[in-house]
N, C-alpha and C. Protein backbone atom coordinates (compact mmCIF):
# COMPACT_ATOMS: atom_id res chain seq x y z
N UNK A 1 -110.79 8.86 138.07
CA UNK A 1 -111.55 8.36 139.20
C UNK A 1 -111.36 9.35 140.35
N UNK A 2 -112.38 9.45 141.19
CA UNK A 2 -112.24 10.34 142.34
C UNK A 2 -112.34 9.56 143.65
N UNK A 3 -111.93 10.22 144.72
CA UNK A 3 -111.88 9.57 146.02
C UNK A 3 -113.27 9.12 146.47
N UNK A 4 -114.29 9.89 146.17
CA UNK A 4 -115.65 9.54 146.61
C UNK A 4 -116.11 8.22 145.99
N UNK A 5 -115.77 7.98 144.74
CA UNK A 5 -116.17 6.73 144.08
C UNK A 5 -115.53 5.52 144.78
N UNK A 6 -114.27 5.66 145.19
CA UNK A 6 -113.59 4.57 145.89
C UNK A 6 -114.21 4.38 147.27
N UNK A 7 -114.49 5.48 147.95
CA UNK A 7 -115.12 5.38 149.28
C UNK A 7 -116.48 4.68 149.19
N UNK A 8 -117.23 4.97 148.15
CA UNK A 8 -118.53 4.31 147.98
C UNK A 8 -118.37 2.80 147.83
N UNK A 9 -117.35 2.37 147.09
CA UNK A 9 -117.10 0.93 146.96
C UNK A 9 -116.73 0.32 148.30
N UNK A 10 -115.94 1.04 149.10
CA UNK A 10 -115.50 0.54 150.39
C UNK A 10 -116.63 0.48 151.42
N UNK A 11 -117.63 1.34 151.28
CA UNK A 11 -118.71 1.42 152.26
C UNK A 11 -119.97 0.68 151.85
N UNK A 12 -119.93 -0.02 150.74
CA UNK A 12 -121.11 -0.79 150.32
C UNK A 12 -121.42 -1.86 151.36
N UNK A 13 -122.73 -2.05 151.62
CA UNK A 13 -123.15 -3.09 152.55
C UNK A 13 -124.18 -3.96 151.88
N UNK A 14 -123.95 -5.23 151.76
CA UNK A 14 -122.74 -5.91 152.22
C UNK A 14 -121.56 -5.56 151.31
N UNK A 15 -120.38 -5.57 151.91
CA UNK A 15 -119.16 -5.27 151.15
C UNK A 15 -118.94 -6.35 150.11
N UNK A 16 -118.53 -5.94 148.91
CA UNK A 16 -118.18 -6.88 147.85
C UNK A 16 -116.73 -6.62 147.45
N UNK A 17 -115.87 -7.63 147.51
CA UNK A 17 -114.48 -7.44 147.08
C UNK A 17 -114.45 -6.89 145.65
N UNK A 18 -113.48 -6.03 145.39
CA UNK A 18 -113.38 -5.42 144.07
C UNK A 18 -111.92 -5.24 143.69
N UNK A 19 -111.71 -4.97 142.41
CA UNK A 19 -110.37 -4.71 141.94
C UNK A 19 -110.30 -3.30 141.37
N UNK A 20 -109.14 -2.70 141.57
CA UNK A 20 -108.86 -1.38 141.01
C UNK A 20 -107.95 -1.61 139.82
N UNK A 21 -108.37 -1.11 138.67
CA UNK A 21 -107.60 -1.29 137.44
C UNK A 21 -106.99 0.06 137.06
N UNK A 22 -105.68 0.05 136.92
CA UNK A 22 -104.93 1.26 136.61
C UNK A 22 -104.85 1.48 135.09
N UNK A 23 -104.52 2.68 134.68
CA UNK A 23 -104.40 2.99 133.26
C UNK A 23 -103.31 2.15 132.60
N UNK A 24 -102.36 1.65 133.36
CA UNK A 24 -101.29 0.79 132.84
C UNK A 24 -101.75 -0.65 132.65
N UNK A 25 -102.95 -0.98 133.16
CA UNK A 25 -103.45 -2.34 133.12
C UNK A 25 -103.19 -3.11 134.41
N UNK A 26 -102.39 -2.55 135.28
CA UNK A 26 -102.10 -3.19 136.58
C UNK A 26 -103.38 -3.28 137.39
N UNK A 27 -103.55 -4.39 138.12
CA UNK A 27 -104.76 -4.63 138.91
C UNK A 27 -104.41 -4.83 140.38
N UNK A 28 -105.26 -4.28 141.24
CA UNK A 28 -105.08 -4.39 142.69
C UNK A 28 -106.41 -4.80 143.30
N UNK A 29 -106.39 -5.89 144.05
CA UNK A 29 -107.62 -6.43 144.64
C UNK A 29 -107.78 -5.90 146.06
N UNK A 30 -109.00 -5.45 146.37
CA UNK A 30 -109.37 -5.02 147.72
C UNK A 30 -110.36 -6.07 148.22
N UNK A 31 -109.91 -6.94 149.12
CA UNK A 31 -110.73 -8.05 149.60
C UNK A 31 -111.59 -7.70 150.81
N UNK A 32 -111.22 -6.62 151.51
CA UNK A 32 -111.94 -6.21 152.71
C UNK A 32 -111.76 -4.69 152.83
N UNK A 33 -112.76 -3.98 153.32
CA UNK A 33 -112.64 -2.51 153.39
C UNK A 33 -111.49 -2.03 154.28
N UNK A 34 -111.04 -2.84 155.21
CA UNK A 34 -109.92 -2.43 156.06
C UNK A 34 -108.58 -2.52 155.35
N UNK A 35 -108.55 -3.05 154.14
CA UNK A 35 -107.30 -3.20 153.40
C UNK A 35 -107.06 -2.06 152.42
N UNK A 36 -107.82 -0.97 152.54
CA UNK A 36 -107.63 0.19 151.68
C UNK A 36 -107.89 1.47 152.46
N UNK A 37 -107.09 2.48 152.17
CA UNK A 37 -107.26 3.81 152.76
C UNK A 37 -107.28 4.80 151.60
N UNK A 38 -108.26 5.69 151.62
CA UNK A 38 -108.41 6.67 150.55
C UNK A 38 -108.07 8.05 151.08
N UNK A 39 -107.24 8.77 150.34
CA UNK A 39 -106.97 10.18 150.62
C UNK A 39 -107.54 10.98 149.45
N UNK A 40 -107.29 12.26 149.42
CA UNK A 40 -107.84 13.10 148.35
C UNK A 40 -107.33 12.70 146.97
N UNK A 41 -106.09 12.23 146.89
CA UNK A 41 -105.49 11.95 145.59
C UNK A 41 -104.94 10.55 145.41
N UNK A 42 -104.98 9.72 146.45
CA UNK A 42 -104.39 8.39 146.37
C UNK A 42 -105.22 7.35 147.10
N UNK A 43 -104.96 6.10 146.75
CA UNK A 43 -105.52 4.96 147.47
C UNK A 43 -104.34 4.10 147.90
N UNK A 44 -104.32 3.73 149.16
CA UNK A 44 -103.30 2.85 149.71
C UNK A 44 -103.95 1.48 149.87
N UNK A 45 -103.41 0.46 149.20
CA UNK A 45 -104.00 -0.88 149.20
C UNK A 45 -102.99 -1.87 149.75
N UNK A 46 -103.46 -2.78 150.62
CA UNK A 46 -102.62 -3.82 151.21
C UNK A 46 -103.17 -5.19 150.81
N UNK A 47 -102.28 -6.07 150.38
CA UNK A 47 -102.64 -7.47 150.13
C UNK A 47 -102.24 -8.24 151.39
N UNK A 48 -103.19 -8.73 152.17
CA UNK A 48 -102.85 -9.37 153.45
C UNK A 48 -102.08 -10.68 153.28
N UNK A 49 -102.20 -11.33 152.14
CA UNK A 49 -101.50 -12.60 151.92
C UNK A 49 -100.00 -12.40 151.69
N UNK A 50 -99.68 -11.38 150.90
CA UNK A 50 -98.27 -11.15 150.55
C UNK A 50 -97.66 -9.97 151.30
N UNK A 51 -98.51 -9.19 151.98
CA UNK A 51 -98.12 -7.96 152.66
C UNK A 51 -97.60 -6.92 151.68
N UNK A 52 -97.95 -7.07 150.41
CA UNK A 52 -97.59 -6.08 149.40
C UNK A 52 -98.44 -4.84 149.63
N UNK A 53 -97.82 -3.68 149.59
CA UNK A 53 -98.53 -2.43 149.72
C UNK A 53 -98.37 -1.63 148.44
N UNK A 54 -99.42 -0.92 148.07
CA UNK A 54 -99.39 -0.12 146.85
C UNK A 54 -100.04 1.23 147.12
N UNK A 55 -99.37 2.29 146.66
CA UNK A 55 -99.93 3.63 146.68
C UNK A 55 -100.37 3.94 145.26
N UNK A 56 -101.66 4.12 145.06
CA UNK A 56 -102.21 4.30 143.72
C UNK A 56 -102.72 5.72 143.55
N UNK A 57 -102.25 6.39 142.52
CA UNK A 57 -102.74 7.74 142.22
C UNK A 57 -104.13 7.63 141.60
N UNK A 58 -105.10 8.31 142.18
CA UNK A 58 -106.47 8.26 141.67
C UNK A 58 -106.53 8.74 140.22
N UNK A 59 -105.64 9.61 139.84
CA UNK A 59 -105.58 10.11 138.47
C UNK A 59 -105.39 8.98 137.46
N UNK A 60 -104.73 7.90 137.89
CA UNK A 60 -104.43 6.79 137.00
C UNK A 60 -105.35 5.58 137.18
N UNK A 61 -106.36 5.69 138.03
CA UNK A 61 -107.34 4.61 138.17
C UNK A 61 -108.31 4.73 137.01
N UNK A 62 -108.37 3.70 136.18
CA UNK A 62 -109.26 3.76 135.02
C UNK A 62 -110.60 3.08 135.26
N UNK A 63 -110.62 2.12 136.19
CA UNK A 63 -111.86 1.36 136.41
C UNK A 63 -111.82 0.65 137.75
N UNK A 64 -113.00 0.38 138.30
CA UNK A 64 -113.14 -0.48 139.47
C UNK A 64 -114.21 -1.51 139.14
N UNK A 65 -113.94 -2.77 139.46
CA UNK A 65 -114.89 -3.85 139.16
C UNK A 65 -115.10 -4.72 140.38
N UNK A 66 -116.37 -5.03 140.65
CA UNK A 66 -116.69 -5.98 141.71
C UNK A 66 -116.24 -7.35 141.24
N UNK A 67 -115.59 -8.10 142.15
CA UNK A 67 -115.13 -9.45 141.81
C UNK A 67 -116.30 -10.42 141.92
N UNK A 68 -116.35 -11.35 141.02
CA UNK A 68 -117.39 -12.37 141.05
C UNK A 68 -117.07 -13.39 142.13
N UNK A 69 -118.10 -13.84 142.83
CA UNK A 69 -117.91 -14.86 143.87
C UNK A 69 -117.45 -16.16 143.23
N UNK A 70 -116.55 -16.86 143.93
CA UNK A 70 -116.03 -18.12 143.40
C UNK A 70 -117.00 -19.25 143.62
């Protein structure tokens, strides 16, 4: 995955929450565009409910999926 693909997900209007799926199977939900920062090689994701922070290497991002509305 590359940084531009993540930026495109973050800048979609209207924004749709999505999950980042890592090659390990680990999943990280981005509920709002302000909860993620993209650099050239990493994505920094914050879960506002738990205050958990994750630094994700773009090299290991295998997929991004829009979350279905509840």
